[in-house]
Amino acid sequence: MGVRLVGCIDLYAYDPLNRRCAVGIMVANEYRRQGYALAMLRALETQQAASLHTLYADIAAPNTASINLFRKAGYEECGRFKEWLELDSHFIDNIRMQKIL
């Protein structure tokens, strides 16, 4: 059977002065909606709780699956960047969600 990649989660834009970091998550199509993303996010939060104060995510407004995932994990919308991302020759909003650990 071998090893299968379910997905990945990463931290970026680390701000050590304010103990915050952005989080990105991606799950392979065949493993979506099975709880893997939420499990990865919760594991990351547990691992980082002692060193970080805040995690945040930037999500394209049409990505309702990702917005719902972060809401389920306790993240709250804290800002909206109007026409922030270009998609198919038009601009869409970016939603920032954050969680205090």
PDB file of N, CA and C in Angstrom:
ATOM      1  N   MET A   1       0.815  -1.184   0.000  1.00  0.00           N
ATOM      2  CA  MET A   1       0.000   0.000   0.000  1.00  0.00           C
ATOM      3  C   MET A   1       0.864   1.255   0.000  1.00  0.00           C
ATOM      4  N   GLY A   2       1.924   1.290   0.767  1.00  0.00           N
ATOM      5  CA  GLY A   2       2.810   2.439   0.768  1.00  0.00           C
ATOM      6  C   GLY A   2       2.301   3.599   1.600  1.00  0.00           C
ATOM      7  N   VAL A   3       3.042   4.671   1.552  1.00  0.00           N
ATOM      8  CA  VAL A   3       2.713   5.874   2.294  1.00  0.00           C
ATOM      9  C   VAL A   3       1.822   6.769   1.439  1.00  0.00           C
ATOM     10  N   ARG A   4       0.804   7.315   2.045  1.00  0.00           N
ATOM     11  CA  ARG A   4      -0.093   8.239   1.343  1.00  0.00           C
ATOM     12  C   ARG A   4      -0.033   9.599   2.022  1.00  0.00           C
ATOM     13  N   LEU A   5       0.029  10.613   1.207  1.00  0.00           N
ATOM     14  CA  LEU A   5       0.022  11.968   1.718  1.00  0.00           C
ATOM     15  C   LEU A   5      -1.419  12.441   1.827  1.00  0.00           C
ATOM     16  N   VAL A   6      -1.856  12.713   3.050  1.00  0.00           N
ATOM     17  CA  VAL A   6      -3.212  13.192   3.295  1.00  0.00           C
ATOM     18  C   VAL A   6      -3.267  14.697   3.076  1.00  0.00           C
ATOM     19  N   GLY A   7      -2.275  15.392   3.550  1.00  0.00           N
ATOM     20  CA  GLY A   7      -2.247  16.831   3.418  1.00  0.00           C
ATOM     21  C   GLY A   7      -1.053  17.410   4.137  1.00  0.00           C
ATOM     22  N   CYS A   8      -1.038  18.725   4.234  1.00  0.00           N
ATOM     23  CA  CYS A   8       0.049  19.382   4.957  1.00  0.00           C
ATOM     24  C   CYS A   8      -0.483  20.642   5.629  1.00  0.00           C
ATOM     25  N   ILE A   9       0.227  21.028   6.660  1.00  0.00           N
ATOM     26  CA  ILE A   9      -0.100  22.249   7.388  1.00  0.00           C
ATOM     27  C   ILE A   9       1.217  22.954   7.660  1.00  0.00           C
ATOM     28  N   ASP A  10       1.214  24.260   7.543  1.00  0.00           N
ATOM     29  CA  ASP A  10       2.462  24.984   7.771  1.00  0.00           C
ATOM     30  C   ASP A  10       2.212  26.307   8.470  1.00  0.00           C
ATOM     31  N   LEU A  11       3.268  26.806   9.050  1.00  0.00           N
ATOM     32  CA  LEU A  11       3.280  28.119   9.674  1.00  0.00           C
ATOM     33  C   LEU A  11       4.157  29.029   8.832  1.00  0.00           C
ATOM     34  N   TYR A  12       3.746  30.270   8.670  1.00  0.00           N
ATOM     35  CA  TYR A  12       4.550  31.238   7.920  1.00  0.00           C
ATOM     36  C   TYR A  12       4.290  32.633   8.480  1.00  0.00           C
ATOM     37  N   ALA A  13       5.065  33.588   8.033  1.00  0.00           N
ATOM     38  CA  ALA A  13       4.941  34.976   8.492  1.00  0.00           C
ATOM     39  C   ALA A  13       5.052  35.062  10.017  1.00  0.00           C
ATOM     40  N   TYR A  14       6.017  34.359  10.573  1.00  0.00           N
ATOM     41  CA  TYR A  14       6.225  34.335  12.017  1.00  0.00           C
ATOM     42  C   TYR A  14       6.653  35.710  12.518  1.00  0.00           C
ATOM     43  N   ASP A  15       5.993  36.184  13.559  1.00  0.00           N
ATOM     44  CA  ASP A  15       6.302  37.457  14.198  1.00  0.00           C
ATOM     45  C   ASP A  15       6.676  37.164  15.653  1.00  0.00           C
ATOM     46  N   PRO A  16       7.975  36.989  15.939  1.00  0.00           N
ATOM     47  CA  PRO A  16       8.379  36.609  17.298  1.00  0.00           C
ATOM     48  C   PRO A  16       8.116  37.689  18.342  1.00  0.00           C
ATOM     49  N   LEU A  17       8.163  38.956  17.939  1.00  0.00           N
ATOM     50  CA  LEU A  17       7.934  40.039  18.877  1.00  0.00           C
ATOM     51  C   LEU A  17       6.522  39.988  19.456  1.00  0.00           C
ATOM     52  N   ASN A  18       5.549  39.673  18.611  1.00  0.00           N
ATOM     53  CA  ASN A  18       4.143  39.628  19.029  1.00  0.00           C
ATOM     54  C   ASN A  18       3.601  38.216  19.161  1.00  0.00           C
ATOM     55  N   ARG A  19       4.473  37.236  19.010  1.00  0.00           N
ATOM     56  CA  ARG A  19       4.139  35.812  19.175  1.00  0.00           C
ATOM     57  C   ARG A  19       2.907  35.404  18.361  1.00  0.00           C
ATOM     58  N   ARG A  20       2.940  35.749  17.067  1.00  0.00           N
ATOM     59  CA  ARG A  20       1.854  35.357  16.182  1.00  0.00           C
ATOM     60  C   ARG A  20       2.432  34.777  14.899  1.00  0.00           C
ATOM     61  N   CYS A  21       1.579  34.013  14.229  1.00  0.00           N
ATOM     62  CA  CYS A  21       2.015  33.330  13.026  1.00  0.00           C
ATOM     63  C   CYS A  21       0.792  32.993  12.177  1.00  0.00           C
ATOM     64  N   ALA A  22       1.000  32.987  10.875  1.00  0.00           N
ATOM     65  CA  ALA A  22      -0.064  32.579   9.958  1.00  0.00           C
ATOM     66  C   ALA A  22      -0.010  31.069   9.776  1.00  0.00           C
ATOM     67  N   VAL A  23      -1.155  30.489   9.513  1.00  0.00           N
ATOM     68  CA  VAL A  23      -1.246  29.047   9.298  1.00  0.00           C
ATOM     69  C   VAL A  23      -1.898  28.787   7.941  1.00  0.00           C
ATOM     70  N   GLY A  24      -1.336  27.825   7.232  1.00  0.00           N
ATOM     71  CA  GLY A  24      -1.909  27.384   5.962  1.00  0.00           C
ATOM     72  C   GLY A  24      -2.147  25.889   6.035  1.00  0.00           C
ATOM     73  N   ILE A  25      -3.173  25.421   5.366  1.00  0.00           N
ATOM     74  CA  ILE A  25      -3.515  24.000   5.420  1.00  0.00           C
ATOM     75  C   ILE A  25      -4.046  23.571   4.065  1.00  0.00           C
ATOM     76  N   MET A  26      -3.660  22.350   3.682  1.00  0.00           N
ATOM     77  CA  MET A  26      -4.121  21.793   2.419  1.00  0.00           C
ATOM     78  C   MET A  26      -4.327  20.289   2.605  1.00  0.00           C
ATOM     79  N   VAL A  27      -5.445  19.790   2.105  1.00  0.00           N
ATOM     80  CA  VAL A  27      -5.766  18.363   2.204  1.00  0.00           C
ATOM     81  C   VAL A  27      -6.065  17.851   0.797  1.00  0.00           C
ATOM     82  N   ALA A  28      -5.523  16.688   0.469  1.00  0.00           N
ATOM     83  CA  ALA A  28      -5.751  16.084  -0.844  1.00  0.00           C
ATOM     84  C   ALA A  28      -7.245  15.846  -1.057  1.00  0.00           C
ATOM     85  N   ASN A  29      -7.694  15.997  -2.279  1.00  0.00           N
ATOM     86  CA  ASN A  29      -9.128  15.906  -2.610  1.00  0.00           C
ATOM     87  C   ASN A  29      -9.802  14.665  -2.026  1.00  0.00           C
ATOM     88  N   GLU A  30      -9.177  13.512  -2.146  1.00  0.00           N
ATOM     89  CA  GLU A  30      -9.828  12.276  -1.706  1.00  0.00           C
ATOM     90  C   GLU A  30      -9.946  12.146  -0.190  1.00  0.00           C
ATOM     91  N   TYR A  31      -9.279  13.040   0.561  1.00  0.00           N
ATOM     92  CA  TYR A  31      -9.331  12.979   2.019  1.00  0.00           C
ATOM     93  C   TYR A  31     -10.112  14.144   2.637  1.00  0.00           C
ATOM     94  N   ARG A  32     -10.673  14.990   1.806  1.00  0.00           N
ATOM     95  CA  ARG A  32     -11.413  16.139   2.327  1.00  0.00           C
ATOM     96  C   ARG A  32     -12.729  15.705   2.954  1.00  0.00           C
ATOM     97  N   ARG A  33     -13.195  16.534   3.907  1.00  0.00           N
ATOM     98  CA  ARG A  33     -14.468  16.318   4.621  1.00  0.00           C
ATOM     99  C   ARG A  33     -14.482  15.006   5.427  1.00  0.00           C
ATOM    100  N   GLN A  34     -13.299  14.620   5.904  1.00  0.00           N
ATOM    101  CA  GLN A  34     -13.184  13.420   6.737  1.00  0.00           C
ATOM    102  C   GLN A  34     -12.577  13.729   8.106  1.00  0.00           C
ATOM    103  N   GLY A  35     -12.379  15.012   8.401  1.00  0.00           N
ATOM    104  CA  GLY A  35     -11.872  15.404   9.707  1.00  0.00           C
ATOM    105  C   GLY A  35     -10.367  15.571   9.800  1.00  0.00           C
ATOM    106  N   TYR A  36      -9.640  15.296   8.713  1.00  0.00           N
ATOM    107  CA  TYR A  36      -8.180  15.399   8.763  1.00  0.00           C
ATOM    108  C   TYR A  36      -7.707  16.830   8.980  1.00  0.00           C
ATOM    109  N   ALA A  37      -8.295  17.779   8.270  1.00  0.00           N
ATOM    110  CA  ALA A  37      -7.864  19.176   8.394  1.00  0.00           C
ATOM    111  C   ALA A  37      -8.055  19.683   9.819  1.00  0.00           C
ATOM    112  N   LEU A  38      -9.195  19.408  10.410  1.00  0.00           N
ATOM    113  CA  LEU A  38      -9.456  19.845  11.779  1.00  0.00           C
ATOM    114  C   LEU A  38      -8.487  19.180  12.750  1.00  0.00           C
ATOM    115  N   ALA A  39      -8.204  17.912  12.553  1.00  0.00           N
ATOM    116  CA  ALA A  39      -7.257  17.200  13.422  1.00  0.00           C
ATOM    117  C   ALA A  39      -5.853  17.792  13.303  1.00  0.00           C
ATOM    118  N   MET A  40      -5.435  18.098  12.093  1.00  0.00           N
ATOM    119  CA  MET A  40      -4.114  18.704  11.896  1.00  0.00           C
ATOM    120  C   MET A  40      -4.042  20.080  12.547  1.00  0.00           C
ATOM    121  N   LEU A  41      -5.091  20.871  12.377  1.00  0.00           N
ATOM    122  CA  LEU A  41      -5.125  22.216  12.943  1.00  0.00           C
ATOM    123  C   LEU A  41      -5.084  22.159  14.468  1.00  0.00           C
ATOM    124  N   ARG A  42      -5.853  21.284  15.057  1.00  0.00           N
ATOM    125  CA  ARG A  42      -5.865  21.165  16.523  1.00  0.00           C
ATOM    126  C   ARG A  42      -4.520  20.669  17.056  1.00  0.00           C
ATOM    127  N   ALA A  43      -3.892  19.731  16.348  1.00  0.00           N
ATOM    128  CA  ALA A  43      -2.573  19.242  16.765  1.00  0.00           C
ATOM    129  C   ALA A  43      -1.540  20.363  16.705  1.00  0.00           C
ATOM    130  N   LEU A  44      -1.590  21.159  15.661  1.00  0.00           N
ATOM    131  CA  LEU A  44      -0.668  22.278  15.529  1.00  0.00           C
ATOM    132  C   LEU A  44      -0.881  23.288  16.655  1.00  0.00           C
ATOM    133  N   GLU A  45      -2.127  23.597  16.952  1.00  0.00           N
ATOM    134  CA  GLU A  45      -2.430  24.542  18.036  1.00  0.00           C
ATOM    135  C   GLU A  45      -1.903  24.035  19.370  1.00  0.00           C
ATOM    136  N   THR A  46      -2.094  22.764  19.642  1.00  0.00           N
ATOM    137  CA  THR A  46      -1.602  22.175  20.889  1.00  0.00           C
ATOM    138  C   THR A  46      -0.085  22.274  20.960  1.00  0.00           C
ATOM    139  N   GLN A  47       0.559  21.986  19.851  1.00  0.00           N
ATOM    140  CA  GLN A  47       2.022  22.026  19.792  1.00  0.00           C
ATOM    141  C   GLN A  47       2.567  23.446  19.976  1.00  0.00           C
ATOM    142  N   GLN A  48       1.870  24.436  19.467  1.00  0.00           N
ATOM    143  CA  GLN A  48       2.377  25.808  19.460  1.00  0.00           C
ATOM    144  C   GLN A  48       1.847  26.689  20.590  1.00  0.00           C
ATOM    145  N   ALA A  49       0.913  26.201  21.372  1.00  0.00           N
ATOM    146  CA  ALA A  49       0.257  27.022  22.398  1.00  0.00           C
ATOM    147  C   ALA A  49       1.237  27.634  23.396  1.00  0.00           C
ATOM    148  N   ALA A  50       2.308  26.941  23.714  1.00  0.00           N
ATOM    149  CA  ALA A  50       3.262  27.460  24.689  1.00  0.00           C
ATOM    150  C   ALA A  50       4.128  28.580  24.118  1.00  0.00           C
ATOM    151  N   SER A  51       4.301  28.628  22.803  1.00  0.00           N
ATOM    152  CA  SER A  51       5.209  29.613  22.216  1.00  0.00           C
ATOM    153  C   SER A  51       4.501  30.716  21.422  1.00  0.00           C
ATOM    154  N   LEU A  52       3.275  30.482  20.984  1.00  0.00           N
ATOM    155  CA  LEU A  52       2.548  31.491  20.213  1.00  0.00           C
ATOM    156  C   LEU A  52       1.338  31.992  20.987  1.00  0.00           C
ATOM    157  N   HIS A  53       0.988  33.234  20.758  1.00  0.00           N
ATOM    158  CA  HIS A  53      -0.215  33.821  21.359  1.00  0.00           C
ATOM    159  C   HIS A  53      -1.390  33.755  20.391  1.00  0.00           C
ATOM    160  N   THR A  54      -1.109  33.959  19.100  1.00  0.00           N
ATOM    161  CA  THR A  54      -2.161  34.043  18.100  1.00  0.00           C
ATOM    162  C   THR A  54      -1.776  33.301  16.836  1.00  0.00           C
ATOM    163  N   LEU A  55      -2.744  32.592  16.280  1.00  0.00           N
ATOM    164  CA  LEU A  55      -2.639  32.032  14.933  1.00  0.00           C
ATOM    165  C   LEU A  55      -3.690  32.714  14.080  1.00  0.00           C
ATOM    166  N   TYR A  56      -3.357  32.925  12.809  1.00  0.00           N
ATOM    167  CA  TYR A  56      -4.334  33.517  11.902  1.00  0.00           C
ATOM    168  C   TYR A  56      -4.217  32.889  10.526  1.00  0.00           C
ATOM    169  N   ALA A  57      -5.287  33.029   9.759  1.00  0.00           N
ATOM    170  CA  ALA A  57      -5.325  32.481   8.401  1.00  0.00           C
ATOM    171  C   ALA A  57      -5.939  33.510   7.475  1.00  0.00           C
ATOM    172  N   ASP A  58      -5.391  33.605   6.287  1.00  0.00           N
ATOM    173  CA  ASP A  58      -5.952  34.434   5.227  1.00  0.00           C
ATOM    174  C   ASP A  58      -6.640  33.504   4.237  1.00  0.00           C
ATOM    175  N   ILE A  59      -7.919  33.742   3.982  1.00  0.00           N
ATOM    176  CA  ILE A  59      -8.732  32.824   3.185  1.00  0.00           C
ATOM    177  C   ILE A  59      -9.485  33.605   2.119  1.00  0.00           C
ATOM    178  N   ALA A  60      -9.433  33.130   0.897  1.00  0.00           N
ATOM    179  CA  ALA A  60     -10.206  33.745  -0.179  1.00  0.00           C
ATOM    180  C   ALA A  60     -11.688  33.638   0.162  1.00  0.00           C
ATOM    181  N   ALA A  61     -12.413  34.731   0.026  1.00  0.00           N
ATOM    182  CA  ALA A  61     -13.825  34.785   0.439  1.00  0.00           C
ATOM    183  C   ALA A  61     -14.690  33.670  -0.156  1.00  0.00           C
ATOM    184  N   PRO A  62     -14.485  33.256  -1.405  1.00  0.00           N
ATOM    185  CA  PRO A  62     -15.325  32.177  -1.945  1.00  0.00           C
ATOM    186  C   PRO A  62     -15.029  30.787  -1.360  1.00  0.00           C
ATOM    187  N   ASN A  63     -13.937  30.640  -0.607  1.00  0.00           N
ATOM    188  CA  ASN A  63     -13.543  29.332  -0.076  1.00  0.00           C
ATOM    189  C   ASN A  63     -14.315  29.037   1.218  1.00  0.00           C
ATOM    190  N   THR A  64     -15.597  28.753   1.064  1.00  0.00           N
ATOM    191  CA  THR A  64     -16.450  28.539   2.238  1.00  0.00           C
ATOM    192  C   THR A  64     -16.053  27.300   3.036  1.00  0.00           C
ATOM    193  N   ALA A  65     -15.511  26.286   2.377  1.00  0.00           N
ATOM    194  CA  ALA A  65     -15.083  25.086   3.110  1.00  0.00           C
ATOM    195  C   ALA A  65     -13.978  25.431   4.104  1.00  0.00           C
ATOM    196  N   SER A  66     -13.023  26.230   3.680  1.00  0.00           N
ATOM    197  CA  SER A  66     -11.931  26.626   4.570  1.00  0.00           C
ATOM    198  C   SER A  66     -12.426  27.563   5.671  1.00  0.00           C
ATOM    199  N   ILE A  67     -13.291  28.487   5.324  1.00  0.00           N
ATOM    200  CA  ILE A  67     -13.861  29.392   6.333  1.00  0.00           C
ATOM    201  C   ILE A  67     -14.613  28.591   7.389  1.00  0.00           C
ATOM    202  N   ASN A  68     -15.401  27.629   6.968  1.00  0.00           N
ATOM    203  CA  ASN A  68     -16.151  26.789   7.915  1.00  0.00           C
ATOM    204  C   ASN A  68     -15.223  25.949   8.779  1.00  0.00           C
ATOM    205  N   LEU A  69     -14.135  25.439   8.205  1.00  0.00           N
ATOM    206  CA  LEU A  69     -13.155  24.672   8.975  1.00  0.00           C
ATOM    207  C   LEU A  69     -12.593  25.529  10.105  1.00  0.00           C
ATOM    208  N   PHE A  70     -12.129  26.727   9.775  1.00  0.00           N
ATOM    209  CA  PHE A  70     -11.527  27.575  10.796  1.00  0.00           C
ATOM    210  C   PHE A  70     -12.553  28.021  11.831  1.00  0.00           C
ATOM    211  N   ARG A  71     -13.762  28.284  11.414  1.00  0.00           N
ATOM    212  CA  ARG A  71     -14.821  28.613  12.397  1.00  0.00           C
ATOM    213  C   ARG A  71     -15.039  27.451  13.363  1.00  0.00           C
ATOM    214  N   LYS A  72     -15.096  26.251  12.812  1.00  0.00           N
ATOM    215  CA  LYS A  72     -15.299  25.053  13.641  1.00  0.00           C
ATOM    216  C   LYS A  72     -14.161  24.897  14.650  1.00  0.00           C
ATOM    217  N   ALA A  73     -12.972  25.338  14.273  1.00  0.00           N
ATOM    218  CA  ALA A  73     -11.805  25.246  15.159  1.00  0.00           C
ATOM    219  C   ALA A  73     -11.722  26.414  16.132  1.00  0.00           C
ATOM    220  N   GLY A  74     -12.695  27.335  16.085  1.00  0.00           N
ATOM    221  CA  GLY A  74     -12.726  28.424  17.044  1.00  0.00           C
ATOM    222  C   GLY A  74     -12.102  29.738  16.563  1.00  0.00           C
ATOM    223  N   TYR A  75     -11.804  29.830  15.292  1.00  0.00           N
ATOM    224  CA  TYR A  75     -11.263  31.072  14.741  1.00  0.00           C
ATOM    225  C   TYR A  75     -12.417  32.027  14.459  1.00  0.00           C
ATOM    226  N   GLU A  76     -12.130  33.320  14.543  1.00  0.00           N
ATOM    227  CA  GLU A  76     -13.130  34.347  14.290  1.00  0.00           C
ATOM    228  C   GLU A  76     -12.635  35.267  13.181  1.00  0.00           C
ATOM    229  N   GLU A  77     -13.576  35.738  12.377  1.00  0.00           N
ATOM    230  CA  GLU A  77     -13.213  36.707  11.353  1.00  0.00           C
ATOM    231  C   GLU A  77     -12.813  38.005  12.041  1.00  0.00           C
ATOM    232  N   CYS A  78     -11.651  38.516  11.683  1.00  0.00           N
ATOM    233  CA  CYS A  78     -11.174  39.749  12.311  1.00  0.00           C
ATOM    234  C   CYS A  78     -10.892  40.842  11.286  1.00  0.00           C
ATOM    235  N   GLY A  79     -11.075  40.524  10.013  1.00  0.00           N
ATOM    236  CA  GLY A  79     -10.855  41.544   9.004  1.00  0.00           C
ATOM    237  C   GLY A  79     -11.164  41.032   7.620  1.00  0.00           C
ATOM    238  N   ARG A  80     -11.381  41.977   6.726  1.00  0.00           N
ATOM    239  CA  ARG A  80     -11.650  41.644   5.330  1.00  0.00           C
ATOM    240  C   ARG A  80     -10.872  42.635   4.471  1.00  0.00           C
ATOM    241  N   PHE A  81     -10.077  42.104   3.576  1.00  0.00           N
ATOM    242  CA  PHE A  81      -9.324  42.920   2.639  1.00  0.00           C
ATOM    243  C   PHE A  81     -10.092  42.917   1.321  1.00  0.00           C
ATOM    244  N   LYS A  82     -10.636  44.053   0.967  1.00  0.00           N
ATOM    245  CA  LYS A  82     -11.466  44.179  -0.228  1.00  0.00           C
ATOM    246  C   LYS A  82     -10.628  44.033  -1.503  1.00  0.00           C
ATOM    247  N   GLU A  83     -11.140  43.229  -2.424  1.00  0.00           N
ATOM    248  CA  GLU A  83     -10.507  43.014  -3.727  1.00  0.00           C
ATOM    249  C   GLU A  83      -9.002  42.792  -3.595  1.00  0.00           C
ATOM    250  N   TRP A  84      -8.621  41.907  -2.717  1.00  0.00           N
ATOM    251  CA  TRP A  84      -7.244  41.667  -2.323  1.00  0.00           C
ATOM    252  C   TRP A  84      -6.549  40.644  -3.211  1.00  0.00           C
ATOM    253  N   LEU A  85      -7.295  39.694  -3.732  1.00  0.00           N
ATOM    254  CA  LEU A  85      -6.735  38.586  -4.512  1.00  0.00           C
ATOM    255  C   LEU A  85      -7.297  38.602  -5.927  1.00  0.00           C
ATOM    256  N   GLU A  86      -6.421  38.369  -6.890  1.00  0.00           N
ATOM    257  CA  GLU A  86      -6.894  38.303  -8.271  1.00  0.00           C
ATOM    258  C   GLU A  86      -7.155  36.850  -8.647  1.00  0.00           C
ATOM    259  N   LEU A  87      -8.333  36.590  -9.185  1.00  0.00           N
ATOM    260  CA  LEU A  87      -8.738  35.247  -9.596  1.00  0.00           C
ATOM    261  C   LEU A  87      -9.470  35.351 -10.920  1.00  0.00           C
ATOM    262  N   ASP A  88      -8.948  34.686 -11.925  1.00  0.00           N
ATOM    263  CA  ASP A  88      -9.580  34.691 -13.253  1.00  0.00           C
ATOM    264  C   ASP A  88      -9.875  36.113 -13.747  1.00  0.00           C
ATOM    265  N   SER A  89      -8.891  36.959 -13.655  1.00  0.00           N
ATOM    266  CA  SER A  89      -8.951  38.335 -14.169  1.00  0.00           C
ATOM    267  C   SER A  89      -9.930  39.254 -13.426  1.00  0.00           C
ATOM    268  N   HIS A  90     -10.367  38.854 -12.236  1.00  0.00           N
ATOM    269  CA  HIS A  90     -11.135  39.780 -11.404  1.00  0.00           C
ATOM    270  C   HIS A  90     -10.662  39.633  -9.957  1.00  0.00           C
ATOM    271  N   PHE A  91     -10.996  40.602  -9.150  1.00  0.00           N
ATOM    272  CA  PHE A  91     -10.495  40.626  -7.784  1.00  0.00           C
ATOM    273  C   PHE A  91     -11.562  40.170  -6.797  1.00  0.00           C
ATOM    274  N   ILE A  92     -11.108  39.417  -5.790  1.00  0.00           N
ATOM    275  CA  ILE A  92     -11.998  38.902  -4.749  1.00  0.00           C
ATOM    276  C   ILE A  92     -11.457  39.318  -3.377  1.00  0.00           C
ATOM    277  N   ASP A  93     -12.329  39.280  -2.394  1.00  0.00           N
ATOM    278  CA  ASP A  93     -11.939  39.646  -1.029  1.00  0.00           C
ATOM    279  C   ASP A  93     -11.138  38.524  -0.370  1.00  0.00           C
ATOM    280  N   ASN A  94     -10.320  38.934   0.582  1.00  0.00           N
ATOM    281  CA  ASN A  94      -9.579  38.017   1.443  1.00  0.00           C
ATOM    282  C   ASN A  94     -10.105  38.191   2.863  1.00  0.00           C
ATOM    283  N   ILE A  95     -10.412  37.098   3.507  1.00  0.00           N
ATOM    284  CA  ILE A  95     -10.902  37.133   4.889  1.00  0.00           C
ATOM    285  C   ILE A  95      -9.778  36.686   5.811  1.00  0.00           C
ATOM    286  N   ARG A  96      -9.535  37.476   6.851  1.00  0.00           N
ATOM    287  CA  ARG A  96      -8.551  37.080   7.862  1.00  0.00           C
ATOM    288  C   ARG A  96      -9.313  36.551   9.065  1.00  0.00           C
ATOM    289  N   MET A  97      -8.888  35.366   9.517  1.00  0.00           N
ATOM    290  CA  MET A  97      -9.476  34.750  10.700  1.00  0.00           C
ATOM    291  C   MET A  97      -8.364  34.517  11.706  1.00  0.00           C
ATOM    292  N   GLN A  98      -8.682  34.674  12.984  1.00  0.00           N
ATOM    293  CA  GLN A  98      -7.648  34.503  14.006  1.00  0.00           C
ATOM    294  C   GLN A  98      -8.184  33.759  15.217  1.00  0.00           C
ATOM    295  N   LYS A  99      -7.235  33.195  15.932  1.00  0.00           N
ATOM    296  CA  LYS A  99      -7.563  32.508  17.190  1.00  0.00           C
ATOM    297  C   LYS A  99      -6.487  32.834  18.201  1.00  0.00           C
ATOM    298  N   ILE A 100      -6.910  33.277  19.370  1.00  0.00           N
ATOM    299  CA  ILE A 100      -5.997  33.468  20.487  1.00  0.00           C
ATOM    300  C   ILE A 100      -5.827  32.116  21.149  1.00  0.00           C
ATOM    301  N   LEU A 101      -4.601  31.670  21.267  1.00  0.00           N
ATOM    302  CA  LEU A 101      -4.347  30.322  21.821  1.00  0.00           C
ATOM    303  C   LEU A 101      -4.375  30.293  23.338  1.00  0.00           C
TER     304      LEU A 101
END
